[in-house]
Amino acid sequence: MATPVLTSIHVYPVKSMAGGTPGEAAVEPWGLAGDRRWMAIGRDGRFLSQRRWPRLALAAARPLPGGGVGISAPGAAPLEVPAPDPGRRGTVTVGLFRDEVEAVLAGPAADAWLTAFLGTDARLVHMDDPAVRRPVDPRYGRPEDRVAFADGYPLLLTAASSLEALNSLIATGDHADEGPLPMDRFRPNLVVAGTGPWAEDGWRRVRLGGVTFRVVKPCRRCVVTTTDQRTAGRGSEPLRTLARHRRGEPGLTFGQNLVPEHRGTLRIGDPFEVLD
């Protein structure tokens, strides 16, 4: 059997927007370099995501030198946002557990762009120092573990074979016309190929290239997975099929949350190994 390998890397500079697929990425304690360091919030300071605002799927973000971000969307002029002055900060709410975190306000130009695009009062914020801002859920992480604006953990890993198995199940269901689904529905950071379907359920510690990770928790899936990442339209899959076949203690699951054990660099084609 061929050695399992890393087949794609995904970095999303702004939470819930489309990102990029670089050939390599640096691993930092809080995730891939540049991943989800920016986020949209509403007037009340709570994060805006595709759960309620599927239109965010149509916006794309790319990293800029110096920590800034470029944002674009159909019908909107592209905007380059530099890393903001860390003195302009406030408290925002992010994640499934409504963590309160300090973040830096991007400024009026970014706020106006987001407000016009979404049709609601919105602001863009930046996490300037993830090393001190937000710990992971203590039920699954260690006191020193940190995360940026991802829902709860530094990285999300999915397996190509499990998507193939899921699509086979969708094909036999009442909404077969919605499949097969692409992997972007699950917004992973890392995708591996060459493993068995659902083998990730038993992983506890893995290595990609020269970087090791703790596998801390299956990823609970939500309505975002029913959102076409190219059109922002919504259907009923994969949640209907996950409810029949992948319902567990955390809920409906697909993929595994990871915490890196050290810094390093990942490259497409890196070998993948299960350590525990």
C-alpha atoms as a PDB file:
ATOM      1  CA  MET A   1       0.000   0.000   0.000  1.00  0.00           C
ATOM      2  CA  ALA A   2       1.262   3.473  -0.886  1.00  0.00           C
ATOM      3  CA  THR A   3       2.305   5.781   1.946  1.00  0.00           C
ATOM      4  CA  PRO A   4      -0.485   8.228   2.885  1.00  0.00           C
ATOM      5  CA  VAL A   5       0.401  11.805   1.963  1.00  0.00           C
ATOM      6  CA  LEU A   6      -0.707  15.386   2.411  1.00  0.00           C
ATOM      7  CA  THR A   7      -2.577  16.316  -0.774  1.00  0.00           C
ATOM      8  CA  SER A   8      -3.706  19.886  -0.069  1.00  0.00           C
ATOM      9  CA  ILE A   9      -3.199  22.797   2.308  1.00  0.00           C
ATOM     10  CA  HIS A  10      -5.863  25.447   2.924  1.00  0.00           C
ATOM     11  CA  VAL A  11      -5.393  28.816   4.610  1.00  0.00           C
ATOM     12  CA  TYR A  12      -8.349  31.134   5.283  1.00  0.00           C
ATOM     13  CA  PRO A  13      -7.023  34.583   6.249  1.00  0.00           C
ATOM     14  CA  VAL A  14     -10.531  35.831   7.138  1.00  0.00           C
ATOM     15  CA  LYS A  15     -12.857  33.533   9.049  1.00  0.00           C
ATOM     16  CA  SER A  16     -15.704  32.223   6.818  1.00  0.00           C
ATOM     17  CA  MET A  17     -14.292  33.751   3.602  1.00  0.00           C
ATOM     18  CA  ALA A  18     -12.634  31.763   0.830  1.00  0.00           C
ATOM     19  CA  GLY A  19      -8.888  31.372   1.210  1.00  0.00           C
ATOM     20  CA  GLY A  20      -5.918  30.001  -0.677  1.00  0.00           C
ATOM     21  CA  THR A  21      -4.258  26.653  -1.334  1.00  0.00           C
ATOM     22  CA  PRO A  22      -0.503  27.192  -0.989  1.00  0.00           C
ATOM     23  CA  GLY A  23       2.033  24.507  -1.772  1.00  0.00           C
ATOM     24  CA  GLU A  24       3.521  24.891   1.689  1.00  0.00           C
ATOM     25  CA  ALA A  25       2.675  26.575   4.965  1.00  0.00           C
ATOM     26  CA  ALA A  26       4.388  27.297   8.255  1.00  0.00           C
ATOM     27  CA  VAL A  27       2.860  25.690  11.337  1.00  0.00           C
ATOM     28  CA  GLU A  28       2.582  27.975  14.355  1.00  0.00           C
ATOM     29  CA  PRO A  29       1.307  26.993  17.829  1.00  0.00           C
ATOM     30  CA  TRP A  30      -2.142  28.467  17.017  1.00  0.00           C
ATOM     31  CA  GLY A  31      -2.440  27.044  13.478  1.00  0.00           C
ATOM     32  CA  LEU A  32      -1.140  27.603   9.966  1.00  0.00           C
ATOM     33  CA  ALA A  33       0.577  30.950   9.472  1.00  0.00           C
ATOM     34  CA  GLY A  34      -2.023  33.559   8.518  1.00  0.00           C
ATOM     35  CA  ASP A  35      -5.017  31.292   9.053  1.00  0.00           C
ATOM     36  CA  ARG A  36      -8.116  33.013  10.475  1.00  0.00           C
ATOM     37  CA  ARG A  37      -6.249  35.968  11.933  1.00  0.00           C
ATOM     38  CA  TRP A  38      -9.067  38.235  10.648  1.00  0.00           C
ATOM     39  CA  MET A  39     -12.800  38.080  11.283  1.00  0.00           C
ATOM     40  CA  ALA A  40     -16.025  39.950  10.551  1.00  0.00           C
ATOM     41  CA  ILE A  41     -18.147  41.045  13.511  1.00  0.00           C
ATOM     42  CA  GLY A  42     -21.547  42.671  13.877  1.00  0.00           C
ATOM     43  CA  ARG A  43     -22.571  45.768  15.786  1.00  0.00           C
ATOM     44  CA  ASP A  44     -22.784  43.708  18.984  1.00  0.00           C
ATOM     45  CA  GLY A  45     -19.196  42.479  18.652  1.00  0.00           C
ATOM     46  CA  ARG A  46     -20.206  38.894  17.866  1.00  0.00           C
ATOM     47  CA  PHE A  47     -18.516  37.096  14.989  1.00  0.00           C
ATOM     48  CA  LEU A  48     -20.278  36.799  11.634  1.00  0.00           C
ATOM     49  CA  SER A  49     -19.915  33.449   9.897  1.00  0.00           C
ATOM     50  CA  GLN A  50     -21.445  31.444   7.092  1.00  0.00           C
ATOM     51  CA  ARG A  51     -23.820  29.881   9.607  1.00  0.00           C
ATOM     52  CA  ARG A  52     -26.022  32.961   9.378  1.00  0.00           C
ATOM     53  CA  TRP A  53     -24.329  34.807   6.522  1.00  0.00           C
ATOM     54  CA  PRO A  54     -23.684  32.278   3.700  1.00  0.00           C
ATOM     55  CA  ARG A  55     -22.823  35.187   1.399  1.00  0.00           C
ATOM     56  CA  LEU A  56     -19.410  35.285   3.104  1.00  0.00           C
ATOM     57  CA  ALA A  57     -18.502  32.253   0.975  1.00  0.00           C
ATOM     58  CA  LEU A  58     -18.441  34.540  -2.071  1.00  0.00           C
ATOM     59  CA  ALA A  59     -15.767  36.809  -0.572  1.00  0.00           C
ATOM     60  CA  ALA A  60     -12.106  35.849  -0.887  1.00  0.00           C
ATOM     61  CA  ALA A  61      -9.137  36.830   1.261  1.00  0.00           C
ATOM     62  CA  ARG A  62      -5.407  36.706   0.574  1.00  0.00           C
ATOM     63  CA  PRO A  63      -2.496  37.538   2.872  1.00  0.00           C
ATOM     64  CA  LEU A  64      -0.443  40.664   2.252  1.00  0.00           C
ATOM     65  CA  PRO A  65       3.151  41.385   3.295  1.00  0.00           C
ATOM     66  CA  GLY A  66       3.408  42.726   6.808  1.00  0.00           C
ATOM     67  CA  GLY A  67       0.329  40.935   8.095  1.00  0.00           C
ATOM     68  CA  GLY A  68      -2.317  42.746   6.079  1.00  0.00           C
ATOM     69  CA  VAL A  69      -5.098  41.154   4.055  1.00  0.00           C
ATOM     70  CA  GLY A  70      -6.643  41.699   0.643  1.00  0.00           C
ATOM     71  CA  ILE A  71     -10.386  41.096   0.306  1.00  0.00           C
ATOM     72  CA  SER A  72     -12.481  40.818  -2.848  1.00  0.00           C
ATOM     73  CA  ALA A  73     -15.943  39.706  -3.935  1.00  0.00           C
ATOM     74  CA  PRO A  74     -18.141  39.779  -7.053  1.00  0.00           C
ATOM     75  CA  GLY A  75     -19.518  43.241  -7.614  1.00  0.00           C
ATOM     76  CA  ALA A  76     -17.223  44.858  -5.062  1.00  0.00           C
ATOM     77  CA  ALA A  77     -13.965  46.710  -5.618  1.00  0.00           C
ATOM     78  CA  PRO A  78     -11.042  44.805  -4.068  1.00  0.00           C
ATOM     79  CA  LEU A  79      -9.586  46.300  -0.913  1.00  0.00           C
ATOM     80  CA  GLU A  80      -6.171  45.981   0.698  1.00  0.00           C
ATOM     81  CA  VAL A  81      -6.225  46.268   4.481  1.00  0.00           C
ATOM     82  CA  PRO A  82      -2.904  46.783   6.283  1.00  0.00           C
ATOM     83  CA  ALA A  83      -2.269  45.299   9.701  1.00  0.00           C
ATOM     84  CA  PRO A  84      -3.995  47.818  11.989  1.00  0.00           C
ATOM     85  CA  ASP A  85      -2.561  49.852  14.844  1.00  0.00           C
ATOM     86  CA  PRO A  86      -2.723  47.561  17.892  1.00  0.00           C
ATOM     87  CA  GLY A  87      -3.872  50.493  20.006  1.00  0.00           C
ATOM     88  CA  ARG A  88      -7.324  50.403  18.374  1.00  0.00           C
ATOM     89  CA  ARG A  89      -8.694  47.328  20.080  1.00  0.00           C
ATOM     90  CA  GLY A  90     -11.917  46.064  21.552  1.00  0.00           C
ATOM     91  CA  THR A  91     -13.538  42.899  22.902  1.00  0.00           C
ATOM     92  CA  VAL A  92     -15.196  40.523  20.430  1.00  0.00           C
ATOM     93  CA  THR A  93     -17.072  37.238  20.763  1.00  0.00           C
ATOM     94  CA  VAL A  94     -15.953  34.262  18.686  1.00  0.00           C
ATOM     95  CA  GLY A  95     -16.455  30.510  18.429  1.00  0.00           C
ATOM     96  CA  LEU A  96     -19.116  28.024  19.363  1.00  0.00           C
ATOM     97  CA  PHE A  97     -18.476  28.691  23.049  1.00  0.00           C
ATOM     98  CA  ARG A  98     -18.739  32.476  22.653  1.00  0.00           C
ATOM     99  CA  ASP A  99     -15.233  33.202  23.848  1.00  0.00           C
ATOM    100  CA  GLU A 100     -14.563  36.857  24.590  1.00  0.00           C
ATOM    101  CA  VAL A 101     -11.260  37.899  23.018  1.00  0.00           C
ATOM    102  CA  GLU A 102      -9.389  41.142  22.519  1.00  0.00           C
ATOM    103  CA  ALA A 103      -8.999  42.090  18.843  1.00  0.00           C
ATOM    104  CA  VAL A 104      -7.756  45.071  16.865  1.00  0.00           C
ATOM    105  CA  LEU A 105     -10.203  47.111  14.769  1.00  0.00           C
ATOM    106  CA  ALA A 106      -9.230  47.238  11.090  1.00  0.00           C
ATOM    107  CA  GLY A 107     -10.670  50.683  10.425  1.00  0.00           C
ATOM    108  CA  PRO A 108     -13.460  52.503   8.534  1.00  0.00           C
ATOM    109  CA  ALA A 109     -12.488  51.457   4.989  1.00  0.00           C
ATOM    110  CA  ALA A 110     -12.697  47.758   5.805  1.00  0.00           C
ATOM    111  CA  ASP A 111     -15.874  48.275   7.826  1.00  0.00           C
ATOM    112  CA  ALA A 112     -17.550  50.108   4.940  1.00  0.00           C
ATOM    113  CA  TRP A 113     -16.556  47.351   2.498  1.00  0.00           C
ATOM    114  CA  LEU A 114     -17.968  44.605   4.707  1.00  0.00           C
ATOM    115  CA  THR A 115     -21.148  46.524   5.500  1.00  0.00           C
ATOM    116  CA  ALA A 116     -21.875  47.116   1.825  1.00  0.00           C
ATOM    117  CA  PHE A 117     -21.091  43.522   0.886  1.00  0.00           C
ATOM    118  CA  LEU A 118     -23.173  41.866   3.606  1.00  0.00           C
ATOM    119  CA  GLY A 119     -25.953  44.435   3.802  1.00  0.00           C
ATOM    120  CA  THR A 120     -25.628  44.684   7.564  1.00  0.00           C
ATOM    121  CA  ASP A 121     -23.549  46.765   9.952  1.00  0.00           C
ATOM    122  CA  ALA A 122     -20.201  44.928  10.063  1.00  0.00           C
ATOM    123  CA  ARG A 123     -16.609  45.507  11.043  1.00  0.00           C
ATOM    124  CA  LEU A 124     -13.343  43.709  10.325  1.00  0.00           C
ATOM    125  CA  VAL A 125     -11.043  42.842  13.222  1.00  0.00           C
ATOM    126  CA  HIS A 126      -7.553  41.375  13.502  1.00  0.00           C
ATOM    127  CA  MET A 127      -5.944  39.126  16.108  1.00  0.00           C
ATOM    128  CA  ASP A 128      -2.586  40.788  16.643  1.00  0.00           C
ATOM    129  CA  ASP A 129      -1.027  38.362  19.138  1.00  0.00           C
ATOM    130  CA  PRO A 130      -2.550  34.863  19.166  1.00  0.00           C
ATOM    131  CA  ALA A 131       0.128  33.692  21.610  1.00  0.00           C
ATOM    132  CA  VAL A 132      -1.735  35.415  24.448  1.00  0.00           C
ATOM    133  CA  ARG A 133      -5.282  36.085  23.227  1.00  0.00           C
ATOM    134  CA  ARG A 134      -7.330  32.877  23.219  1.00  0.00           C
ATOM    135  CA  PRO A 135      -6.847  29.421  24.782  1.00  0.00           C
ATOM    136  CA  VAL A 136      -8.498  26.344  23.298  1.00  0.00           C
ATOM    137  CA  ASP A 137     -11.367  24.586  25.069  1.00  0.00           C
ATOM    138  CA  PRO A 138      -9.751  23.323  28.307  1.00  0.00           C
ATOM    139  CA  ARG A 139     -11.771  20.084  28.132  1.00  0.00           C
ATOM    140  CA  TYR A 140      -9.650  18.975  25.183  1.00  0.00           C
ATOM    141  CA  GLY A 141      -6.542  21.139  25.240  1.00  0.00           C
ATOM    142  CA  ARG A 142      -3.680  21.954  27.545  1.00  0.00           C
ATOM    143  CA  PRO A 143      -3.336  25.263  29.391  1.00  0.00           C
ATOM    144  CA  GLU A 144      -0.689  26.486  26.935  1.00  0.00           C
ATOM    145  CA  ASP A 145      -2.669  25.664  23.761  1.00  0.00           C
ATOM    146  CA  ARG A 146      -3.820  28.694  21.772  1.00  0.00           C
ATOM    147  CA  VAL A 147      -6.030  29.300  18.734  1.00  0.00           C
ATOM    148  CA  ALA A 148      -6.735  32.331  16.519  1.00  0.00           C
ATOM    149  CA  PHE A 149     -10.287  32.945  15.192  1.00  0.00           C
ATOM    150  CA  ALA A 150     -10.980  29.321  14.156  1.00  0.00           C
ATOM    151  CA  ASP A 151     -14.055  27.867  15.866  1.00  0.00           C
ATOM    152  CA  GLY A 152     -12.110  26.092  18.563  1.00  0.00           C
ATOM    153  CA  TYR A 153      -8.802  24.473  17.597  1.00  0.00           C
ATOM    154  CA  PRO A 154      -5.679  25.385  15.599  1.00  0.00           C
ATOM    155  CA  LEU A 155      -6.094  23.040  12.590  1.00  0.00           C
ATOM    156  CA  LEU A 156      -8.690  20.812  10.959  1.00  0.00           C
ATOM    157  CA  LEU A 157      -7.613  17.623   9.154  1.00  0.00           C
ATOM    158  CA  THR A 158      -9.832  15.645   6.771  1.00  0.00           C
ATOM    159  CA  ALA A 159      -9.286  12.446   4.784  1.00  0.00           C
ATOM    160  CA  ALA A 160     -10.063  12.052   1.087  1.00  0.00           C
ATOM    161  CA  SER A 161     -11.176   8.442   1.583  1.00  0.00           C
ATOM    162  CA  SER A 162     -13.773   9.489   4.157  1.00  0.00           C
ATOM    163  CA  LEU A 163     -15.234  12.031   1.733  1.00  0.00           C
ATOM    164  CA  GLU A 164     -15.462   9.291  -0.904  1.00  0.00           C
ATOM    165  CA  ALA A 165     -17.275   7.081   1.605  1.00  0.00           C
ATOM    166  CA  LEU A 166     -19.621   9.901   2.577  1.00  0.00           C
ATOM    167  CA  ASN A 167     -20.417  10.666  -1.073  1.00  0.00           C
ATOM    168  CA  SER A 168     -21.218   7.003  -1.632  1.00  0.00           C
ATOM    169  CA  LEU A 169     -23.727   7.189   1.223  1.00  0.00           C
ATOM    170  CA  ILE A 170     -25.223  10.415  -0.137  1.00  0.00           C
ATOM    171  CA  ALA A 171     -25.673   8.713  -3.527  1.00  0.00           C
ATOM    172  CA  THR A 172     -28.012   6.154  -1.947  1.00  0.00           C
ATOM    173  CA  GLY A 173     -30.144   8.688  -0.066  1.00  0.00           C
ATOM    174  CA  ASP A 174     -33.146  10.871  -0.807  1.00  0.00           C
ATOM    175  CA  HIS A 175     -30.980  13.823  -1.871  1.00  0.00           C
ATOM    176  CA  ALA A 176     -28.552  12.011  -4.157  1.00  0.00           C
ATOM    177  CA  ASP A 177     -28.798  14.886  -6.645  1.00  0.00           C
ATOM    178  CA  GLU A 178     -26.856  17.085  -4.208  1.00  0.00           C
ATOM    179  CA  GLY A 179     -23.766  14.885  -4.417  1.00  0.00           C
ATOM    180  CA  PRO A 180     -20.990  14.267  -4.819  1.00  0.00           C
ATOM    181  CA  LEU A 181     -19.810  17.037  -2.510  1.00  0.00           C
ATOM    182  CA  PRO A 182     -16.365  18.640  -2.785  1.00  0.00           C
ATOM    183  CA  MET A 183     -14.022  18.824   0.189  1.00  0.00           C
ATOM    184  CA  ASP A 184     -14.357  22.603   0.400  1.00  0.00           C
ATOM    185  CA  ARG A 185     -17.750  22.127   2.099  1.00  0.00           C
ATOM    186  CA  PHE A 186     -15.799  21.116   5.217  1.00  0.00           C
ATOM    187  CA  ARG A 187     -13.249  23.960   5.083  1.00  0.00           C
ATOM    188  CA  PRO A 188     -10.252  21.881   6.221  1.00  0.00           C
ATOM    189  CA  ASN A 189      -6.710  23.120   6.687  1.00  0.00           C
ATOM    190  CA  LEU A 190      -5.115  19.813   5.715  1.00  0.00           C
ATOM    191  CA  VAL A 191      -6.314  16.943   3.515  1.00  0.00           C
ATOM    192  CA  VAL A 192      -4.609  13.549   3.442  1.00  0.00           C
ATOM    193  CA  ALA A 193      -5.043  10.698   0.967  1.00  0.00           C
ATOM    194  CA  GLY A 194      -4.180   7.016   1.256  1.00  0.00           C
ATOM    195  CA  THR A 195      -5.831   6.261   4.595  1.00  0.00           C
ATOM    196  CA  GLY A 196      -8.853   4.022   5.135  1.00  0.00           C
ATOM    197  CA  PRO A 197     -12.357   5.511   5.250  1.00  0.00           C
ATOM    198  CA  TRP A 198     -13.107   6.881   8.734  1.00  0.00           C
ATOM    199  CA  ALA A 199      -9.719   5.657   9.997  1.00  0.00           C
ATOM    200  CA  GLU A 200      -9.276   9.092  11.574  1.00  0.00           C
ATOM    201  CA  ASP A 201     -11.745   8.112  14.295  1.00  0.00           C
ATOM    202  CA  GLY A 202      -8.960   6.125  15.964  1.00  0.00           C
ATOM    203  CA  TRP A 203      -6.085   8.583  15.584  1.00  0.00           C
ATOM    204  CA  ARG A 204      -4.628  10.201  18.701  1.00  0.00           C
ATOM    205  CA  ARG A 205      -1.279  11.542  17.486  1.00  0.00           C
ATOM    206  CA  VAL A 206      -0.054  11.970  13.900  1.00  0.00           C
ATOM    207  CA  ARG A 207       2.929  13.227  11.928  1.00  0.00           C
ATOM    208  CA  LEU A 208       2.896  15.165   8.674  1.00  0.00           C
ATOM    209  CA  GLY A 209       6.340  15.615   7.211  1.00  0.00           C
ATOM    210  CA  GLY A 210       8.432  16.672  10.184  1.00  0.00           C
ATOM    211  CA  VAL A 211       5.599  18.108  12.293  1.00  0.00           C
ATOM    212  CA  THR A 212       3.667  16.144  14.924  1.00  0.00           C
ATOM    213  CA  PHE A 213       0.137  16.907  16.107  1.00  0.00           C
ATOM    214  CA  ARG A 214      -2.215  15.826  18.851  1.00  0.00           C
ATOM    215  CA  VAL A 215      -5.619  14.728  17.547  1.00  0.00           C
ATOM    216  CA  VAL A 216      -7.847  16.263  20.197  1.00  0.00           C
ATOM    217  CA  LYS A 217     -11.457  15.982  19.056  1.00  0.00           C
ATOM    218  CA  PRO A 218     -13.705  15.036  16.108  1.00  0.00           C
ATOM    219  CA  CYS A 219     -15.062  18.095  14.331  1.00  0.00           C
ATOM    220  CA  ARG A 220     -18.769  18.685  14.900  1.00  0.00           C
ATOM    221  CA  ARG A 221     -20.388  19.813  11.671  1.00  0.00           C
ATOM    222  CA  CYS A 222     -23.015  22.525  11.184  1.00  0.00           C
ATOM    223  CA  VAL A 223     -25.078  24.201   8.473  1.00  0.00           C
ATOM    224  CA  VAL A 224     -21.936  25.633   6.837  1.00  0.00           C
ATOM    225  CA  THR A 225     -21.330  22.206   5.264  1.00  0.00           C
ATOM    226  CA  THR A 226     -24.630  22.548   3.358  1.00  0.00           C
ATOM    227  CA  THR A 227     -23.412  25.792   1.760  1.00  0.00           C
ATOM    228  CA  ASP A 228     -22.070  25.680  -1.799  1.00  0.00           C
ATOM    229  CA  GLN A 229     -18.787  27.550  -1.445  1.00  0.00           C
ATOM    230  CA  ARG A 230     -19.006  28.849  -5.016  1.00  0.00           C
ATOM    231  CA  THR A 231     -22.615  30.065  -5.098  1.00  0.00           C
ATOM    232  CA  ALA A 232     -23.548  30.447  -1.390  1.00  0.00           C
ATOM    233  CA  GLY A 233     -26.665  28.359  -2.089  1.00  0.00           C
ATOM    234  CA  ARG A 234     -27.796  25.851   0.521  1.00  0.00           C
ATOM    235  CA  GLY A 235     -29.085  22.291   0.414  1.00  0.00           C
ATOM    236  CA  SER A 236     -29.625  19.528   2.962  1.00  0.00           C
ATOM    237  CA  GLU A 237     -26.459  17.478   2.459  1.00  0.00           C
ATOM    238  CA  PRO A 238     -24.195  16.369   4.023  1.00  0.00           C
ATOM    239  CA  LEU A 239     -26.045  16.910   7.310  1.00  0.00           C
ATOM    240  CA  ARG A 240     -28.882  14.517   6.443  1.00  0.00           C
ATOM    241  CA  THR A 241     -26.440  11.709   5.692  1.00  0.00           C
ATOM    242  CA  LEU A 242     -24.151  12.531   8.610  1.00  0.00           C
ATOM    243  CA  ALA A 243     -27.194  12.351  10.889  1.00  0.00           C
ATOM    244  CA  ARG A 244     -27.820   8.782   9.733  1.00  0.00           C
ATOM    245  CA  HIS A 245     -24.248   7.532   9.767  1.00  0.00           C
ATOM    246  CA  ARG A 246     -21.952   9.869  11.739  1.00  0.00           C
ATOM    247  CA  ARG A 247     -23.861  10.858  14.858  1.00  0.00           C
ATOM    248  CA  GLY A 248     -21.739  10.620  18.003  1.00  0.00           C
ATOM    249  CA  GLU A 249     -21.159  12.254  21.383  1.00  0.00           C
ATOM    250  CA  PRO A 250     -19.960  15.555  19.887  1.00  0.00           C
ATOM    251  CA  GLY A 251     -22.807  15.561  17.322  1.00  0.00           C
ATOM    252  CA  LEU A 252     -22.529  15.038  13.568  1.00  0.00           C
ATOM    253  CA  THR A 253     -18.828  14.687  12.795  1.00  0.00           C
ATOM    254  CA  PHE A 254     -16.437  14.822   9.870  1.00  0.00           C
ATOM    255  CA  GLY A 255     -12.690  15.426  10.234  1.00  0.00           C
ATOM    256  CA  GLN A 256     -10.439  15.823  13.259  1.00  0.00           C
ATOM    257  CA  ASN A 257      -9.208  18.863  15.167  1.00  0.00           C
ATOM    258  CA  LEU A 258      -5.444  19.071  15.666  1.00  0.00           C
ATOM    259  CA  VAL A 259      -3.076  20.876  18.021  1.00  0.00           C
ATOM    260  CA  PRO A 260       0.545  21.139  16.813  1.00  0.00           C
ATOM    261  CA  GLU A 261       3.251  19.931  19.172  1.00  0.00           C
ATOM    262  CA  HIS A 262       5.890  22.264  17.719  1.00  0.00           C
ATOM    263  CA  ARG A 263       6.589  24.650  14.875  1.00  0.00           C
ATOM    264  CA  GLY A 264       7.576  23.487  11.408  1.00  0.00           C
ATOM    265  CA  THR A 265       6.685  23.655   7.722  1.00  0.00           C
ATOM    266  CA  LEU A 266       4.231  21.486   5.807  1.00  0.00           C
ATOM    267  CA  ARG A 267       4.445  20.826   2.070  1.00  0.00           C
ATOM    268  CA  ILE A 268       2.089  19.094  -0.314  1.00  0.00           C
ATOM    269  CA  GLY A 269       3.350  15.536  -0.750  1.00  0.00           C
ATOM    270  CA  ASP A 270       4.619  15.239   2.812  1.00  0.00           C
ATOM    271  CA  PRO A 271       4.185  11.691   4.148  1.00  0.00           C
ATOM    272  CA  PHE A 272       1.474  11.141   6.744  1.00  0.00           C
ATOM    273  CA  GLU A 273       1.949   8.745   9.667  1.00  0.00           C
ATOM    274  CA  VAL A 274      -0.256   7.712  12.577  1.00  0.00           C
ATOM    275  CA  LEU A 275       1.852   7.616  15.774  1.00  0.00           C
ATOM    276  CA  ASP A 276      -0.858   6.664  18.295  1.00  0.00           C
END
